Amino acid sequence: MGYQRLMILGNVTNDPDIRNVGEHDVAKFSVAVNGYKDSVEYFDIEWWNPNGAMAYVQKGTPVFIEGEIQTQKWEKDGQKRSKQICKCKTLQLIGSKKREPEPDFAADFA
């Protein structure tokens, strides 16, 4: 038995790519997090069933994401490849130009 939880606070680096997979929508985008001594870490995010939240997320949007790390594996041109992504469970918008409450979105993921 195990447990993992990943928390990311950063800025969206690209407009989300939203696709329909069967009966579900999937949003993919990246988040940049400033690190130690001017370093920047980038995280690929995958969010299943974002429930309309993507209307509020675009390049530059500050977000807080909670999720799990998943390793995706595939083969291309005869070479095995893999990468780690964050499977988003919840996303919260951080800050706002308007003084309205930010929506807090949650979605189940498979």
C-alpha atoms as a PDB file:
ATOM      1  CA  MET A   1       0.000   0.000   0.000  1.00  0.00           C
ATOM      2  CA  GLY A   2       1.265   3.483  -0.764  1.00  0.00           C
ATOM      3  CA  TYR A   3       0.267   7.094  -0.916  1.00  0.00           C
ATOM      4  CA  GLN A   4       1.523  10.085  -2.834  1.00  0.00           C
ATOM      5  CA  ARG A   5       0.506  13.703  -3.111  1.00  0.00           C
ATOM      6  CA  LEU A   6       2.064  16.403  -5.250  1.00  0.00           C
ATOM      7  CA  MET A   7       1.416  20.106  -4.638  1.00  0.00           C
ATOM      8  CA  ILE A   8       2.429  22.694  -7.234  1.00  0.00           C
ATOM      9  CA  LEU A   9       2.164  26.478  -6.942  1.00  0.00           C
ATOM     10  CA  GLY A  10       3.186  28.267 -10.122  1.00  0.00           C
ATOM     11  CA  ASN A  11       2.152  29.874 -13.393  1.00  0.00           C
ATOM     12  CA  VAL A  12       0.592  28.178 -16.411  1.00  0.00           C
ATOM     13  CA  THR A  13       3.107  28.283 -19.298  1.00  0.00           C
ATOM     14  CA  ASN A  14       0.777  27.581 -22.223  1.00  0.00           C
ATOM     15  CA  ASP A  15      -2.914  27.728 -23.051  1.00  0.00           C
ATOM     16  CA  PRO A  16      -4.486  24.367 -22.153  1.00  0.00           C
ATOM     17  CA  ASP A  17      -5.030  21.798 -24.893  1.00  0.00           C
ATOM     18  CA  ILE A  18      -8.470  20.275 -24.293  1.00  0.00           C
ATOM     19  CA  ARG A  19      -9.443  17.056 -26.040  1.00  0.00           C
ATOM     20  CA  ASN A  20     -12.325  14.652 -25.840  1.00  0.00           C
ATOM     21  CA  VAL A  21     -11.348  11.075 -24.984  1.00  0.00           C
ATOM     22  CA  GLY A  22     -14.394   8.837 -25.142  1.00  0.00           C
ATOM     23  CA  GLU A  23     -16.924  10.285 -22.704  1.00  0.00           C
ATOM     24  CA  HIS A  24     -14.351  12.484 -20.949  1.00  0.00           C
ATOM     25  CA  ASP A  25     -12.570  15.768 -21.549  1.00  0.00           C
ATOM     26  CA  VAL A  26      -8.848  15.926 -20.853  1.00  0.00           C
ATOM     27  CA  ALA A  27      -6.916  19.174 -20.409  1.00  0.00           C
ATOM     28  CA  LYS A  28      -3.135  19.232 -20.816  1.00  0.00           C
ATOM     29  CA  PHE A  29      -0.898  22.165 -19.945  1.00  0.00           C
ATOM     30  CA  SER A  30       2.349  22.992 -18.137  1.00  0.00           C
ATOM     31  CA  VAL A  31       3.124  24.918 -14.964  1.00  0.00           C
ATOM     32  CA  ALA A  32       6.412  26.670 -14.140  1.00  0.00           C
ATOM     33  CA  VAL A  33       7.625  26.932 -10.551  1.00  0.00           C
ATOM     34  CA  ASN A  34      10.445  29.260  -9.544  1.00  0.00           C
ATOM     35  CA  GLY A  35      13.083  27.417  -7.574  1.00  0.00           C
ATOM     36  CA  TYR A  36      16.342  27.951  -5.764  1.00  0.00           C
ATOM     37  CA  LYS A  37      18.847  30.458  -7.213  1.00  0.00           C
ATOM     38  CA  ASP A  38      16.786  31.506 -10.230  1.00  0.00           C
ATOM     39  CA  SER A  39      16.100  27.942 -11.365  1.00  0.00           C
ATOM     40  CA  VAL A  40      12.709  27.062 -12.853  1.00  0.00           C
ATOM     41  CA  GLU A  41      11.008  23.666 -12.765  1.00  0.00           C
ATOM     42  CA  TYR A  42       8.340  22.765 -15.327  1.00  0.00           C
ATOM     43  CA  PHE A  43       5.532  20.292 -14.670  1.00  0.00           C
ATOM     44  CA  ASP A  44       3.308  18.694 -17.314  1.00  0.00           C
ATOM     45  CA  ILE A  45      -0.274  18.601 -16.024  1.00  0.00           C
ATOM     46  CA  GLU A  46      -3.064  16.289 -17.170  1.00  0.00           C
ATOM     47  CA  TRP A  47      -6.567  16.932 -15.815  1.00  0.00           C
ATOM     48  CA  TRP A  48      -9.438  14.599 -16.606  1.00  0.00           C
ATOM     49  CA  ASN A  49     -12.947  16.090 -16.495  1.00  0.00           C
ATOM     50  CA  PRO A  50     -12.014  19.685 -15.607  1.00  0.00           C
ATOM     51  CA  ASN A  51     -15.721  20.655 -15.264  1.00  0.00           C
ATOM     52  CA  GLY A  52     -15.487  23.937 -17.188  1.00  0.00           C
ATOM     53  CA  ALA A  53     -12.546  25.239 -15.165  1.00  0.00           C
ATOM     54  CA  MET A  54     -10.396  25.632 -18.268  1.00  0.00           C
ATOM     55  CA  ALA A  55     -12.389  28.733 -19.212  1.00  0.00           C
ATOM     56  CA  TYR A  56     -10.463  30.458 -16.391  1.00  0.00           C
ATOM     57  CA  VAL A  57      -7.010  28.989 -17.107  1.00  0.00           C
ATOM     58  CA  GLN A  58      -4.675  30.419 -19.739  1.00  0.00           C
ATOM     59  CA  LYS A  59      -0.992  31.160 -20.204  1.00  0.00           C
ATOM     60  CA  GLY A  60       0.271  33.166 -17.221  1.00  0.00           C
ATOM     61  CA  THR A  61      -2.525  32.182 -14.811  1.00  0.00           C
ATOM     62  CA  PRO A  62      -1.190  31.535 -11.278  1.00  0.00           C
ATOM     63  CA  VAL A  63      -2.547  28.214  -9.972  1.00  0.00           C
ATOM     64  CA  PHE A  64      -2.264  25.824  -7.039  1.00  0.00           C
ATOM     65  CA  ILE A  65      -2.559  22.190  -8.112  1.00  0.00           C
ATOM     66  CA  GLU A  66      -2.811  19.011  -6.080  1.00  0.00           C
ATOM     67  CA  GLY A  67      -2.400  15.652  -7.739  1.00  0.00           C
ATOM     68  CA  GLU A  68      -0.314  12.530  -8.200  1.00  0.00           C
ATOM     69  CA  ILE A  69       2.751  11.734 -10.258  1.00  0.00           C
ATOM     70  CA  GLN A  70       2.244   9.194 -13.027  1.00  0.00           C
ATOM     71  CA  THR A  71       4.859   7.797 -15.391  1.00  0.00           C
ATOM     72  CA  GLN A  72       3.652   7.511 -18.986  1.00  0.00           C
ATOM     73  CA  LYS A  73       5.513   5.055 -21.212  1.00  0.00           C
ATOM     74  CA  TRP A  74       5.437   4.640 -25.002  1.00  0.00           C
ATOM     75  CA  GLU A  75       7.589   3.571 -27.915  1.00  0.00           C
ATOM     76  CA  LYS A  76       8.565   5.823 -30.820  1.00  0.00           C
ATOM     77  CA  ASP A  77      10.812   4.897 -33.726  1.00  0.00           C
ATOM     78  CA  GLY A  78      11.789   1.691 -31.934  1.00  0.00           C
ATOM     79  CA  GLN A  79      12.945   3.495 -28.795  1.00  0.00           C
ATOM     80  CA  LYS A  80      11.227   3.225 -25.441  1.00  0.00           C
ATOM     81  CA  ARG A  81      10.373   6.580 -23.933  1.00  0.00           C
ATOM     82  CA  SER A  82       8.789   7.788 -20.722  1.00  0.00           C
ATOM     83  CA  LYS A  83       7.959  10.967 -18.850  1.00  0.00           C
ATOM     84  CA  GLN A  84       6.410  11.871 -15.549  1.00  0.00           C
ATOM     85  CA  ILE A  85       3.274  13.987 -15.413  1.00  0.00           C
ATOM     86  CA  CYS A  86       1.043  15.340 -12.685  1.00  0.00           C
ATOM     87  CA  LYS A  87      -2.456  13.885 -12.783  1.00  0.00           C
ATOM     88  CA  CYS A  88      -4.384  16.868 -11.405  1.00  0.00           C
ATOM     89  CA  LYS A  89      -6.981  16.184  -8.743  1.00  0.00           C
ATOM     90  CA  THR A  90      -7.758  19.775  -7.749  1.00  0.00           C
ATOM     91  CA  LEU A  91      -6.902  23.182  -9.161  1.00  0.00           C
ATOM     92  CA  GLN A  92      -7.303  26.507  -7.395  1.00  0.00           C
ATOM     93  CA  LEU A  93      -6.860  29.874  -9.080  1.00  0.00           C
ATOM     94  CA  ILE A  94      -4.469  32.134  -7.170  1.00  0.00           C
ATOM     95  CA  GLY A  95      -5.018  35.878  -7.140  1.00  0.00           C
ATOM     96  CA  SER A  96      -7.345  37.810  -9.357  1.00  0.00           C
ATOM     97  CA  LYS A  97      -7.397  41.105 -11.196  1.00  0.00           C
ATOM     98  CA  LYS A  98     -10.963  41.515  -9.994  1.00  0.00           C
ATOM     99  CA  ARG A  99     -11.904  41.426  -6.323  1.00  0.00           C
ATOM    100  CA  GLU A 100     -14.240  38.468  -6.764  1.00  0.00           C
ATOM    101  CA  PRO A 101     -13.788  35.104  -5.047  1.00  0.00           C
ATOM    102  CA  GLU A 102     -11.742  32.673  -7.119  1.00  0.00           C
ATOM    103  CA  PRO A 103     -13.525  29.442  -8.038  1.00  0.00           C
ATOM    104  CA  ASP A 104     -12.156  26.239  -6.504  1.00  0.00           C
ATOM    105  CA  PHE A 105     -12.452  23.273  -8.832  1.00  0.00           C
ATOM    106  CA  ALA A 106     -12.115  19.581  -8.113  1.00  0.00           C
ATOM    107  CA  ALA A 107     -12.385  16.573 -10.379  1.00  0.00           C
ATOM    108  CA  ASP A 108     -12.005  12.847 -10.022  1.00  0.00           C
ATOM    109  CA  PHE A 109      -9.385  11.259 -12.186  1.00  0.00           C
ATOM    110  CA  ALA A 110      -8.891   7.728 -13.366  1.00  0.00           C
END
